[in-house]
Amino acid sequence: MKQIDLHMHTNKSDGALTPKQIIDEAAKANLQA
């Protein structure tokens, strides 16, 4: 089993992107759970 870090920061804390933007970027990159 691969181990990956899914920890992210949104603009609700100290990140730059909104939660929707992060989800959209993950979809564009074809990331899968």
N, C-alpha and C. Protein backbone atom coordinates (compact mmCIF):
# COMPACT_ATOMS: atom_id res chain seq x y z
N MET A 1 0.84 -1.17 0.00
CA MET A 1 0.00 0.00 0.00
C MET A 1 0.89 1.24 0.00
N LYS A 2 0.59 2.16 -0.90
CA LYS A 2 1.32 3.42 -0.95
C LYS A 2 0.94 4.29 0.24
N GLN A 3 1.92 5.02 0.74
CA GLN A 3 1.64 6.00 1.78
C GLN A 3 1.86 7.39 1.19
N ILE A 4 0.83 8.22 1.28
CA ILE A 4 0.93 9.58 0.75
C ILE A 4 0.41 10.57 1.78
N ASP A 5 0.86 11.79 1.67
CA ASP A 5 0.43 12.86 2.57
C ASP A 5 -0.63 13.69 1.87
N LEU A 6 -1.83 13.70 2.41
CA LEU A 6 -2.93 14.46 1.82
C LEU A 6 -3.21 15.75 2.59
N HIS A 7 -2.32 16.10 3.50
CA HIS A 7 -2.50 17.31 4.31
C HIS A 7 -2.41 18.54 3.42
N MET A 8 -3.42 19.40 3.51
CA MET A 8 -3.46 20.61 2.68
C MET A 8 -3.94 21.78 3.52
N HIS A 9 -3.61 22.98 3.07
CA HIS A 9 -4.09 24.20 3.70
C HIS A 9 -4.90 24.99 2.69
N THR A 10 -6.05 25.49 3.11
CA THR A 10 -6.89 26.32 2.24
C THR A 10 -6.79 27.78 2.68
N ASN A 11 -7.49 28.61 1.97
CA ASN A 11 -7.50 30.02 2.34
C ASN A 11 -8.27 30.27 3.64
N LYS A 12 -8.82 29.23 4.22
CA LYS A 12 -9.48 29.35 5.53
C LYS A 12 -8.44 29.35 6.65
N SER A 13 -7.20 29.01 6.32
CA SER A 13 -6.11 29.08 7.30
C SER A 13 -4.96 29.85 6.66
N ASP A 14 -3.86 29.17 6.36
CA ASP A 14 -2.71 29.89 5.80
C ASP A 14 -2.40 29.50 4.36
N GLY A 15 -3.36 28.90 3.67
CA GLY A 15 -3.18 28.54 2.27
C GLY A 15 -3.69 29.63 1.34
N ALA A 16 -3.52 29.40 0.05
CA ALA A 16 -3.91 30.40 -0.95
C ALA A 16 -5.18 30.03 -1.70
N LEU A 17 -5.49 28.74 -1.80
CA LEU A 17 -6.62 28.29 -2.60
C LEU A 17 -7.85 28.01 -1.74
N THR A 18 -9.03 28.14 -2.37
CA THR A 18 -10.27 27.77 -1.68
C THR A 18 -10.37 26.24 -1.69
N PRO A 19 -11.21 25.67 -0.81
CA PRO A 19 -11.40 24.22 -0.85
C PRO A 19 -11.85 23.74 -2.24
N LYS A 20 -12.75 24.47 -2.88
CA LYS A 20 -13.21 24.09 -4.23
C LYS A 20 -12.07 24.10 -5.22
N GLN A 21 -11.19 25.09 -5.14
CA GLN A 21 -10.05 25.15 -6.06
C GLN A 21 -9.13 23.94 -5.87
N ILE A 22 -8.93 23.53 -4.64
CA ILE A 22 -8.09 22.35 -4.37
C ILE A 22 -8.73 21.10 -4.98
N ILE A 23 -10.03 20.95 -4.78
CA ILE A 23 -10.74 19.80 -5.36
C ILE A 23 -10.67 19.83 -6.88
N ASP A 24 -10.87 20.99 -7.47
CA ASP A 24 -10.80 21.12 -8.93
C ASP A 24 -9.41 20.78 -9.45
N GLU A 25 -8.37 21.23 -8.77
CA GLU A 25 -7.00 20.92 -9.19
C GLU A 25 -6.72 19.42 -9.08
N ALA A 26 -7.21 18.78 -8.02
CA ALA A 26 -7.03 17.34 -7.87
C ALA A 26 -7.75 16.59 -8.99
N ALA A 27 -8.94 17.04 -9.35
CA ALA A 27 -9.69 16.40 -10.45
C ALA A 27 -8.96 16.57 -11.77
N LYS A 28 -8.41 17.76 -12.02
CA LYS A 28 -7.66 17.99 -13.27
C LYS A 28 -6.42 17.11 -13.34
N ALA A 29 -5.82 16.83 -12.18
CA ALA A 29 -4.62 15.99 -12.13
C ALA A 29 -4.98 14.50 -12.11
N ASN A 30 -6.28 14.20 -12.17
CA ASN A 30 -6.77 12.82 -12.17
C ASN A 30 -6.35 12.06 -10.92
N LEU A 31 -6.31 12.74 -9.78
CA LEU A 31 -5.99 12.07 -8.52
C LEU A 31 -7.17 11.22 -8.09
N GLN A 32 -6.86 10.06 -7.55
CA GLN A 32 -7.90 9.15 -7.09
C GLN A 32 -7.61 8.75 -5.65
N ALA A 33 -8.67 8.50 -4.90
CA ALA A 33 -8.52 8.08 -3.50
C ALA A 33 -8.10 6.63 -3.44
